Protein backbone atom coordinates (compact mmCIF):
# COMPACT_ATOMS: atom_id res chain seq x y z
CA MET A 1 3.35 -41.66 -15.11
CA SER A 2 5.97 -39.54 -13.37
CA ALA A 3 5.98 -39.01 -9.66
CA PRO A 4 4.84 -35.67 -8.42
CA ARG A 5 7.47 -33.15 -7.35
CA GLU A 6 7.11 -30.93 -4.35
CA GLY A 7 5.47 -27.74 -5.47
CA ALA A 8 5.83 -28.59 -9.23
CA ARG A 9 3.12 -27.64 -11.65
CA ARG A 10 1.50 -30.68 -13.25
CA VAL A 11 1.11 -31.03 -17.03
CA LEU A 12 -1.09 -33.69 -18.64
CA VAL A 13 0.00 -34.52 -22.15
CA ILE A 14 -2.78 -36.24 -24.40
CA ASP A 15 -1.36 -37.29 -27.76
CA ASP A 16 -1.62 -40.53 -29.72
CA ALA A 17 1.97 -40.40 -30.89
CA GLU A 18 4.28 -42.20 -28.50
CA GLY A 19 7.33 -40.24 -29.68
CA VAL A 20 5.53 -36.85 -28.99
CA ARG A 21 4.45 -37.96 -25.58
CA GLY A 22 8.00 -39.09 -24.59
CA TYR A 23 9.60 -35.89 -26.03
CA LEU A 24 7.25 -33.59 -24.25
CA ALA A 25 7.46 -35.60 -20.93
CA ASN A 26 11.27 -35.39 -20.96
CA LEU A 27 11.36 -31.71 -22.02
CA LEU A 28 8.82 -30.61 -19.41
CA GLU A 29 10.40 -32.61 -16.56
CA LEU A 30 13.74 -31.02 -17.32
CA ARG A 31 12.06 -27.69 -16.92
CA GLY A 32 10.66 -28.60 -13.54
CA TYR A 33 7.18 -29.76 -14.32
CA ALA A 34 5.49 -32.94 -13.15
CA VAL A 35 4.03 -34.77 -16.25
CA ASP A 36 1.30 -37.29 -16.88
CA THR A 37 0.68 -38.72 -20.27
CA ALA A 38 -2.24 -40.36 -22.03
CA GLU A 39 -2.41 -41.89 -25.49
CA ASP A 40 -6.05 -40.78 -26.32
CA GLY A 41 -8.89 -38.59 -25.10
CA ARG A 42 -10.69 -41.27 -23.11
CA ARG A 43 -7.63 -42.15 -21.13
CA GLY A 44 -6.84 -38.40 -20.55
CA LEU A 45 -10.38 -37.84 -19.26
CA ALA A 46 -10.09 -40.83 -17.00
CA LEU A 47 -7.00 -39.39 -15.45
CA ILE A 48 -8.62 -35.92 -14.94
CA GLU A 49 -11.82 -37.36 -13.50
CA GLY A 50 -9.85 -39.84 -11.44
CA GLY A 51 -8.17 -37.10 -9.47
CA ALA A 52 -4.88 -36.49 -11.44
CA ALA A 53 -5.59 -32.87 -11.07
CA PRO A 54 -3.30 -31.28 -13.68
CA ASP A 55 -2.74 -27.56 -13.74
CA VAL A 56 -2.71 -27.46 -17.54
CA VAL A 57 -3.43 -30.03 -20.34
CA LEU A 58 -1.53 -30.29 -23.77
CA LEU A 59 -4.04 -31.76 -26.12
CA ASP A 60 -3.43 -33.05 -29.64
CA VAL A 61 -6.21 -32.15 -32.12
CA MET A 62 -5.97 -35.13 -34.53
CA MET A 63 -6.29 -38.38 -32.61
CA PRO A 64 -8.18 -41.57 -33.61
CA GLY A 65 -11.45 -42.32 -31.90
CA GLN A 66 -12.35 -39.41 -29.62
CA GLY A 67 -10.65 -36.39 -31.35
CA GLY A 68 -9.07 -33.42 -29.68
CA LEU A 69 -12.03 -31.01 -30.02
CA GLU A 70 -14.46 -33.57 -28.64
CA THR A 71 -11.99 -34.28 -25.78
CA LEU A 72 -11.76 -30.52 -25.15
CA ARG A 73 -15.50 -30.22 -24.86
CA SER A 74 -15.57 -33.01 -22.32
CA ILE A 75 -12.77 -31.43 -20.27
CA ARG A 76 -14.55 -28.10 -20.23
CA ASP A 77 -17.77 -29.84 -19.10
CA PHE A 78 -15.91 -31.50 -16.20
CA ASP A 79 -13.74 -28.56 -15.12
CA PRO A 80 -14.32 -25.14 -17.02
CA SER A 81 -11.34 -23.66 -15.13
CA LEU A 82 -8.76 -26.17 -16.34
CA PRO A 83 -6.67 -24.52 -19.16
CA VAL A 84 -6.14 -26.59 -22.30
CA VAL A 85 -3.49 -25.85 -24.99
CA MET A 86 -4.16 -27.43 -28.36
CA LEU A 87 -1.35 -29.03 -30.42
CA SER A 88 -1.68 -29.97 -34.09
CA VAL A 89 -0.04 -30.01 -37.42
CA VAL A 90 -3.47 -28.72 -38.66
CA GLY A 91 -3.23 -25.04 -38.71
CA SER A 92 -6.51 -24.14 -40.54
CA THR A 93 -8.14 -21.00 -39.32
CA GLN A 94 -11.48 -22.80 -38.88
CA THR A 95 -9.85 -25.34 -36.57
CA ILE A 96 -8.20 -22.75 -34.47
CA VAL A 97 -11.35 -20.66 -34.22
CA GLU A 98 -13.39 -23.62 -33.28
CA ALA A 99 -10.87 -24.64 -30.56
CA MET A 100 -10.80 -21.17 -29.07
CA GLN A 101 -14.66 -21.06 -29.11
CA GLN A 102 -14.69 -24.32 -27.28
CA GLY A 103 -12.60 -22.72 -24.56
CA ALA A 104 -9.03 -23.58 -25.48
CA ALA A 105 -6.48 -21.36 -23.63
CA ASP A 106 -4.00 -21.42 -26.50
CA TYR A 107 -3.20 -23.17 -29.80
CA LEU A 108 0.31 -24.24 -31.01
CA ASN A 109 1.09 -25.60 -34.38
CA LYS A 110 3.50 -28.56 -34.61
CA PRO A 111 6.49 -28.35 -34.91
CA PHE A 112 6.85 -25.53 -32.40
CA GLN A 113 9.89 -24.10 -30.63
CA GLU A 114 10.59 -25.07 -26.98
CA GLU A 115 10.38 -21.35 -26.04
CA GLU A 116 6.96 -21.16 -27.63
CA LEU A 117 5.76 -24.02 -25.53
CA GLU A 118 7.21 -22.57 -22.39
CA ALA A 119 5.76 -19.15 -23.11
CA ALA A 120 2.25 -20.74 -23.60
CA LEU A 121 2.47 -22.76 -20.45
CA GLN A 122 3.58 -19.74 -18.36
CA SER A 123 0.89 -17.53 -19.74
CA VAL A 124 -1.97 -19.97 -19.04
CA LEU A 125 -0.71 -20.87 -15.62
CA GLU A 126 -0.31 -17.26 -14.61
CA ARG A 127 -3.85 -16.59 -15.90
CA ARG A 128 -5.29 -19.47 -13.97
CA ALA A 129 -3.49 -18.45 -10.76
CA LEU A 130 -4.92 -14.94 -11.21
CA GLN A 131 -8.40 -16.20 -11.79
CA SER A 132 -8.23 -18.35 -8.68
CA GLU A 133 -7.22 -15.42 -6.61
CA ARG A 134 -10.10 -13.39 -8.14
CA ASP A 135 -12.51 -16.20 -7.44
CA ARG A 136 -11.40 -16.28 -3.75
CA LEU A 137 -11.77 -12.60 -3.33
CA ALA A 138 -15.06 -12.69 -5.08
CA GLY A 139 -16.29 -15.40 -2.65
CA GLU A 140 -15.31 -13.17 0.23
CA ILE A 141 -16.93 -10.13 -1.17
CA VAL A 142 -20.18 -11.82 -2.12
CA ALA A 143 -20.34 -13.69 1.23
CA HIS A 144 -19.79 -10.38 2.95
CA GLY A 145 -22.37 -8.75 0.77
CA GLU A 146 -25.00 -11.38 1.29
CA SER A 147 -25.05 -10.80 5.16
CA VAL A 148 -24.35 -7.12 5.31
CA VAL A 149 -24.75 -4.90 2.19
CA TRP A 150 -28.33 -5.75 1.51
CA GLY A 151 -29.49 -4.76 4.96
CA SER A 152 -31.20 -1.50 3.99
CA GLU A 153 -34.51 -1.13 2.16
CA SER A 154 -32.82 0.72 -0.79
CA MET A 155 -30.15 -1.99 -1.29
CA ARG A 156 -32.83 -4.74 -1.12
CA ALA A 157 -34.46 -3.01 -3.97
CA VAL A 158 -31.26 -3.08 -5.86
CA ARG A 159 -30.90 -6.77 -5.11
CA ALA A 160 -34.48 -7.48 -6.24
CA LEU A 161 -33.64 -5.82 -9.57
CA LEU A 162 -30.65 -8.00 -9.94
CA GLU A 163 -32.74 -11.14 -9.28
CA GLN A 164 -35.32 -9.96 -11.81
CA VAL A 165 -32.80 -9.84 -14.61
CA ALA A 166 -30.62 -12.76 -13.38
CA ASP A 167 -31.45 -15.06 -16.19
CA THR A 168 -30.67 -12.57 -18.90
CA ASP A 169 -27.40 -11.45 -20.51
CA VAL A 170 -28.32 -7.74 -20.74
CA THR A 171 -25.64 -5.17 -20.22
CA MET A 172 -25.90 -3.22 -16.92
CA LEU A 173 -24.83 0.23 -16.03
CA ILE A 174 -24.12 0.65 -12.23
CA GLN A 175 -24.02 4.27 -11.06
CA GLY A 176 -23.18 5.78 -7.76
CA GLU A 177 -20.53 7.67 -5.75
CA SER A 178 -17.06 6.32 -5.21
CA GLY A 179 -16.96 3.61 -2.56
CA VAL A 180 -20.74 2.82 -2.44
CA GLY A 181 -20.22 -0.87 -3.44
CA LYS A 182 -20.53 -0.95 -7.20
CA GLU A 183 -18.12 -3.85 -7.51
CA ILE A 184 -20.11 -5.89 -5.00
CA VAL A 185 -23.36 -5.31 -6.94
CA ALA A 186 -21.49 -6.32 -10.25
CA ARG A 187 -20.05 -9.58 -8.58
CA THR A 188 -23.58 -10.35 -7.13
CA ALA A 189 -25.11 -9.91 -10.66
CA HIS A 190 -22.57 -12.46 -11.85
CA GLU A 191 -23.29 -14.93 -9.06
CA LEU A 192 -26.92 -14.66 -9.68
CA SER A 193 -26.63 -15.45 -13.40
CA PRO A 194 -26.11 -18.73 -15.36
CA ARG A 195 -22.50 -17.65 -15.86
CA ARG A 196 -21.72 -18.00 -12.13
CA GLU A 197 -19.30 -20.86 -12.77
CA ARG A 198 -17.47 -18.92 -15.54
CA PRO A 199 -14.82 -16.22 -15.11
CA PHE A 200 -15.60 -12.76 -13.62
CA VAL A 201 -12.95 -10.27 -14.90
CA LYS A 202 -12.65 -6.80 -13.58
CA VAL A 203 -10.93 -3.95 -15.50
CA ASN A 204 -10.44 -0.53 -13.96
CA CYS A 205 -10.60 1.82 -16.99
CA ALA A 206 -9.20 4.76 -14.97
CA ALA A 207 -6.03 2.87 -13.97
CA LEU A 208 -4.32 2.83 -17.32
CA PRO A 209 -3.70 5.28 -20.21
CA ALA A 210 -5.74 4.73 -23.29
CA ASP A 211 -3.02 2.78 -25.28
CA LEU A 212 -2.35 0.48 -22.43
CA LEU A 213 -6.00 -0.03 -21.67
CA GLU A 214 -6.65 -1.18 -25.22
CA SER A 215 -4.01 -3.86 -25.05
CA GLU A 216 -5.29 -4.82 -21.56
CA LEU A 217 -8.80 -5.33 -22.92
CA PHE A 218 -8.08 -6.80 -26.38
CA GLY A 219 -4.59 -8.18 -26.05
CA TYR A 220 -1.83 -8.16 -28.67
CA GLU A 221 0.24 -10.28 -30.98
CA LYS A 222 3.88 -10.80 -30.79
CA GLY A 223 5.74 -7.88 -32.47
CA ALA A 224 2.67 -5.54 -32.30
CA PHE A 225 4.91 -2.83 -30.71
CA THR A 226 8.32 -2.40 -29.26
CA GLY A 227 8.50 -4.75 -26.26
CA ALA A 228 5.74 -7.14 -27.37
CA GLY A 229 7.80 -10.25 -27.12
CA GLY A 230 4.84 -12.66 -27.26
CA ARG A 231 1.17 -12.88 -27.56
CA LYS A 232 -0.96 -11.49 -24.72
CA TYR A 233 -4.50 -12.39 -24.18
CA GLY A 234 -6.79 -9.56 -23.34
CA LYS A 235 -9.44 -9.36 -20.62
CA PHE A 236 -12.28 -9.98 -23.09
CA GLU A 237 -10.77 -13.38 -23.98
CA LEU A 238 -10.14 -14.25 -20.37
CA ALA A 239 -13.76 -13.47 -19.61
CA HIS A 240 -15.06 -15.65 -22.47
CA THR A 241 -18.25 -17.40 -21.48
CA GLY A 242 -18.32 -15.34 -18.36
CA THR A 243 -18.71 -11.68 -17.28
CA ILE A 244 -16.47 -8.62 -17.67
CA PHE A 245 -16.76 -5.70 -15.24
CA LEU A 246 -15.65 -2.37 -16.69
CA ASP A 247 -15.17 -0.11 -13.77
CA GLU A 248 -14.85 3.67 -14.24
CA ILE A 249 -16.23 3.42 -17.77
CA GLY A 250 -16.58 7.24 -18.10
CA GLU A 251 -12.72 7.42 -18.21
CA MET A 252 -12.44 5.45 -21.47
CA SER A 253 -11.22 7.39 -24.47
CA PRO A 254 -13.59 8.08 -27.46
CA ALA A 255 -11.36 5.84 -29.68
CA LEU A 256 -11.60 2.94 -27.31
CA GLN A 257 -15.33 3.53 -26.79
CA ALA A 258 -15.75 2.87 -30.60
CA LYS A 259 -13.96 -0.53 -30.33
CA LEU A 260 -15.97 -1.44 -27.28
CA LEU A 261 -19.18 -0.64 -29.14
CA GLN A 262 -18.18 -3.03 -31.93
CA VAL A 263 -17.52 -5.85 -29.35
CA LEU A 264 -21.02 -5.22 -27.86
CA GLN A 265 -22.66 -5.23 -31.38
CA ASP A 266 -20.82 -8.16 -32.99
CA GLY A 267 -18.98 -10.05 -30.27
CA GLU A 268 -15.85 -9.72 -32.23
CA PHE A 269 -12.49 -7.81 -32.06
CA THR A 270 -8.87 -8.18 -33.25
CA ARG A 271 -5.80 -8.07 -31.00
CA LEU A 272 -3.37 -5.22 -31.42
CA GLY A 273 -1.07 -6.15 -34.34
CA GLY A 274 -3.37 -9.01 -35.43
CA ASN A 275 -5.72 -9.41 -38.39
CA ARG A 276 -7.79 -12.45 -37.18
CA GLU A 277 -11.31 -11.71 -35.85
CA ILE A 278 -11.66 -13.20 -32.39
CA ARG A 279 -15.17 -14.01 -31.26
CA VAL A 280 -16.17 -14.01 -27.58
CA ASP A 281 -19.34 -14.60 -25.57
CA VAL A 282 -19.12 -12.15 -22.69
CA ARG A 283 -21.69 -10.30 -20.53
CA VAL A 284 -20.68 -6.72 -20.01
CA LEU A 285 -21.31 -4.92 -16.74
CA CYS A 286 -20.14 -1.26 -16.35
CA ALA A 287 -19.87 1.17 -13.43
CA THR A 288 -19.22 4.94 -13.11
CA ASN A 289 -19.41 7.65 -10.60
CA ARG A 290 -19.69 10.26 -13.41
CA ARG A 291 -22.76 11.58 -15.04
CA LEU A 292 -22.81 9.93 -18.45
CA PRO A 293 -25.75 11.90 -19.94
CA GLU A 294 -23.90 15.09 -19.25
CA MET A 295 -20.85 13.63 -20.98
CA VAL A 296 -22.92 12.60 -23.93
CA ARG A 297 -24.20 16.18 -24.23
CA GLU A 298 -20.61 17.45 -24.02
CA GLY A 299 -19.46 14.95 -26.65
CA SER A 300 -16.89 13.18 -24.47
CA PHE A 301 -19.02 9.92 -24.35
CA ARG A 302 -20.60 8.24 -27.35
CA GLU A 303 -24.42 8.37 -27.33
CA ASP A 304 -24.77 5.01 -29.14
CA LEU A 305 -22.46 3.37 -26.53
CA TYR A 306 -24.35 4.90 -23.69
CA PHE A 307 -27.63 3.45 -24.92
CA ARG A 308 -25.92 0.09 -25.45
CA LEU A 309 -24.62 0.00 -21.85
CA ASN A 310 -27.69 1.35 -20.25
CA VAL A 311 -30.02 -1.43 -20.93
CA VAL A 312 -30.50 -1.98 -17.15
CA SER A 313 -29.59 0.93 -14.92
CA VAL A 314 -28.72 0.36 -11.20
CA THR A 315 -28.17 3.42 -9.01
CA ILE A 316 -26.64 2.70 -5.59
CA PRO A 317 -27.36 5.23 -2.97
CA PRO A 318 -24.60 6.64 -0.73
CA LEU A 319 -23.97 5.22 2.68
CA ARG A 320 -25.40 8.40 4.43
CA GLU A 321 -28.72 7.28 3.02
CA ARG A 322 -28.34 3.76 4.27
CA ARG A 323 -27.33 4.32 7.81
CA GLU A 324 -29.16 1.20 9.09
CA GLU A 325 -26.28 -0.81 7.41
CA ILE A 326 -23.48 0.89 9.47
CA PRO A 327 -23.65 -1.29 12.65
CA ALA A 328 -23.50 -4.61 10.69
CA LEU A 329 -20.86 -3.27 8.45
CA VAL A 330 -18.75 -2.21 11.35
CA ASP A 331 -19.07 -5.59 12.98
CA SER A 332 -18.17 -7.32 9.75
CA PHE A 333 -15.04 -5.18 9.17
CA LEU A 334 -13.97 -5.57 12.82
CA ARG A 335 -14.01 -9.41 12.49
CA ARG A 336 -12.37 -9.47 9.08
CA PHE A 337 -9.52 -7.23 10.07
CA ALA A 338 -8.91 -8.72 13.47
CA ALA A 339 -8.56 -12.13 11.69
CA ARG A 340 -6.26 -10.69 9.02
CA TYR A 341 -3.92 -8.86 11.43
CA GLU A 342 -4.25 -11.35 14.34
CA LYS A 343 -5.71 -8.80 16.66
CA PRO A 344 -8.38 -9.34 19.32
CA VAL A 345 -11.95 -8.79 18.16
CA THR A 346 -13.14 -5.70 20.04
CA ARG A 347 -16.14 -3.36 19.99
CA LEU A 348 -16.08 0.26 19.18
CA SER A 349 -16.29 2.78 22.05
CA PRO A 350 -19.84 4.27 22.47
CA ALA A 351 -18.45 7.68 21.60
CA LEU A 352 -16.99 6.54 18.22
CA ALA A 353 -20.13 4.46 17.56
CA GLU A 354 -22.23 7.58 18.14
CA GLU A 355 -19.92 9.68 15.88
CA LEU A 356 -20.20 7.09 13.05
CA SER A 357 -23.94 7.18 13.22
CA ARG A 358 -24.04 10.81 12.20
CA TYR A 359 -20.88 11.05 10.18
CA ALA A 360 -21.55 11.94 6.46
CA PHE A 361 -19.11 9.33 4.93
CA PRO A 362 -18.02 11.29 1.79
CA GLY A 363 -15.99 8.13 0.97
CA ASN A 364 -18.98 5.75 1.66
CA VAL A 365 -18.44 2.14 2.44
CA ARG A 366 -14.83 2.11 1.39
CA GLU A 367 -14.11 4.99 3.89
CA LEU A 368 -15.90 3.16 6.70
CA GLU A 369 -13.79 -0.03 5.90
CA ASN A 370 -10.56 1.94 6.11
CA LEU A 371 -11.62 3.60 9.35
CA ILE A 372 -12.31 0.27 11.01
CA LYS A 373 -9.03 -1.21 9.62
CA ARG A 374 -7.12 1.62 11.38
CA VAL A 375 -9.04 0.98 14.56
CA VAL A 376 -8.05 -2.67 14.50
CA VAL A 377 -4.46 -2.03 13.65
CA LEU A 378 -3.89 0.82 16.17
CA GLU A 379 -6.08 -0.96 18.83
CA ASN A 380 -7.26 2.41 19.85
CA ASP A 381 -10.09 4.51 18.41
CA GLU A 382 -9.29 7.87 20.02
CA LEU A 383 -7.35 9.16 17.04
CA ILE A 384 -10.08 8.23 14.70
CA LEU A 385 -12.75 9.74 16.90
CA SER A 386 -10.85 13.02 17.04
CA GLU A 387 -10.44 13.05 13.26
CA LEU A 388 -14.11 12.48 12.71
CA ARG A 389 -15.12 15.28 15.10
CA ARG A 390 -12.85 17.70 13.30
CA ALA A 391 -14.12 16.68 9.92
CA GLY A 392 -17.68 16.89 11.22
CA ARG A 393 -17.15 20.50 12.50
CA GLY A 394 -15.45 21.53 9.27
CA ARG A 395 -18.46 20.31 7.25
CA SER A 396 -20.94 21.82 9.59
CA ARG A 397 -19.13 25.22 9.41
CA SER A 398 -18.97 24.93 5.58
CA ALA A 399 -22.62 24.04 5.52
CA ALA A 400 -23.47 26.98 7.76
CA LEU A 401 -21.59 29.38 5.43
CA ARG A 402 -23.31 27.94 2.37
CA ALA A 403 -26.69 28.24 4.09
CA LEU A 404 -26.04 31.82 5.01
CA ILE A 405 -25.08 32.75 1.39
CA GLU A 406 -28.09 30.93 0.05
CA GLY A 407 -30.30 32.91 2.60
CA LEU A 408 -28.77 36.19 1.71
CA GLU A 409 -29.39 35.44 -1.94
CA GLU A 410 -33.03 34.82 -1.33
CA SER A 411 -33.41 37.99 0.67
CA ALA A 412 -31.52 40.13 -1.83
CA GLY A 413 -32.80 43.77 -1.48
CA ALA A 414 -34.28 43.21 1.94
CA LEU A 415 -31.00 43.87 3.79
CA PRO A 416 -28.57 46.86 3.35
CA LEU A 417 -25.49 45.77 1.46
CA ARG A 418 -23.31 46.57 4.44
CA GLU A 419 -25.31 44.13 6.52
CA VAL A 420 -24.94 41.43 3.97
CA GLY A 421 -21.15 41.92 4.01
CA ARG A 422 -20.96 41.94 7.84
CA ARG A 423 -22.92 38.63 8.19
CA ALA A 424 -20.96 36.81 5.44
CA ALA A 425 -17.66 38.09 6.87
CA GLN A 426 -18.49 37.05 10.39
CA GLU A 427 -19.47 33.42 9.40
CA ALA A 428 -16.29 33.10 7.20
CA GLU A 429 -14.13 34.49 10.11
CA ARG A 430 -15.70 32.01 12.54
CA GLU A 431 -14.85 29.04 10.23
CA ALA A 432 -11.22 30.22 9.70
CA ILE A 433 -10.72 30.64 13.48
CA ASP A 434 -12.25 27.33 14.26
CA ARG A 435 -10.04 25.50 11.71
CA VAL A 436 -6.82 27.20 12.84
CA LEU A 437 -7.65 26.44 16.46
CA HIS A 438 -8.11 22.81 15.80
CA HIS A 439 -5.05 22.80 13.63
CA THR A 440 -2.93 24.13 16.61
CA HIS A 441 -4.84 21.81 19.10
CA TRP A 442 -6.31 25.04 20.66
CA ASN A 443 -2.85 26.68 21.24
CA ARG A 444 -4.22 30.21 21.18
CA LYS A 445 -0.81 31.93 20.89
CA GLN A 446 0.13 29.89 17.96
CA ALA A 447 -3.33 30.37 16.41
CA ALA A 448 -3.12 34.19 16.97
CA LYS A 449 0.24 34.23 15.10
CA LEU A 450 -1.02 32.22 12.21
CA LEU A 451 -4.13 34.42 11.94
CA GLY A 452 -2.14 37.57 12.14
CA VAL A 453 -3.99 39.15 15.16
CA SER A 454 -3.04 39.85 18.74
CA TYR A 455 -3.65 37.27 21.50
CA LYS A 456 -6.20 39.51 23.19
CA THR A 457 -8.03 40.03 19.84
CA LEU A 458 -8.21 36.31 19.28
CA LEU A 459 -9.65 35.69 22.71
CA GLN A 460 -12.36 38.27 22.20
CA LYS A 461 -13.28 36.76 18.76
CA ILE A 462 -13.42 33.25 20.21
CA ARG A 463 -15.97 34.57 22.69
CA ASP A 464 -17.91 36.48 19.99
CA CYS A 465 -18.06 33.37 17.74
CA GLY A 466 -19.18 31.22 20.68
CA LEU A 467 -16.26 28.71 20.01
CA GLU A 468 -15.55 26.17 22.70
CA GLN A 469 -12.75 23.66 23.18
CA GLU A 470 -13.81 20.10 23.71
């Protein structure tokens, strides 16, 4: 057993052939890995259970006694997150499929090139590091959600629905405006399910063009296209036995919708450039801020896929309808960002707290989070308070104009057309003057110049409109 090296990734080689063990140990140590070896499955398991803590296992398929596939099952039972790369001279499709279904991270046929082995190790180690970071963030999000996000009656109803279907593998469609907390709901659905110890993999369907999204979801084989220098595992394979969360599902192209439908129906797909069917066991959760029924009517979203996804529908209300959550969210964000940026934990000024209590939050929880982050980083909330007041005035003026127009429409014929024009023009003029004054920080001379009127005329209109500087 080689001595650990500072910061080195540890590889456990389990192979009954002494020559293979020695060759791999020397090769990997020269490449900077720390290596342990075991001559059979039982010894390998004993090392793992005894605290050897490898980062990846190289496991021979054909061994006397406890074979490779049986050893793989035992390793997965002990530590589902430990990646295992199978090695064997037996390259039958059935053996490969069985190994992958048992949770193997990769499969190499002997003899293999050193570059193949290095590529496989780098791939599985990168995936494990990425999953560890996801798990850490998921823990933060779910812990945050447990104490804060479920504080309103409407969100407690959402959680009750998640608990009701917790033991099932039904697909779920999570709907709501941007920033309301759809990912928290998806992660909570995963944490409440029997798959909680398995991977949770998120894919933002709006972040990539269709061709790149397909390779991200389903992977590709070496040589599938220019630049495909090796095999890439897709997100569905990474999510095997766990949950995949497809965010912004409404942005997926029709061609990719058809392939997704096949996975939902059969649990099978092929990598780009491949011809072997890959079977996965994955629960699918989706989210969107778009109206999928309208997209179905327009023909931009498949009706059969919509019905497949919409087995359980969860609608998350916007933050403006869950205002009772705001104080707890603010406190949570203040503490989190104070710790992250090593700032003192402070409270919001009464003026800002009051403004937040009536602010409309078009960006929902995400907007509130970013506002509090700025308060913590700047250690001053005056700038944020000023911005919120300007935004609030702008929305109230716009709302007043819309209300006036709606009122005039309802009273059509009751007022002379000239009066209709005068009232609409007056309200539009009031909003324009108010915005320019706040843009110039109430510099009336500059505002008059921008509006194309004399200074005296502007002063008169400010009085007529009842505008006042704070």
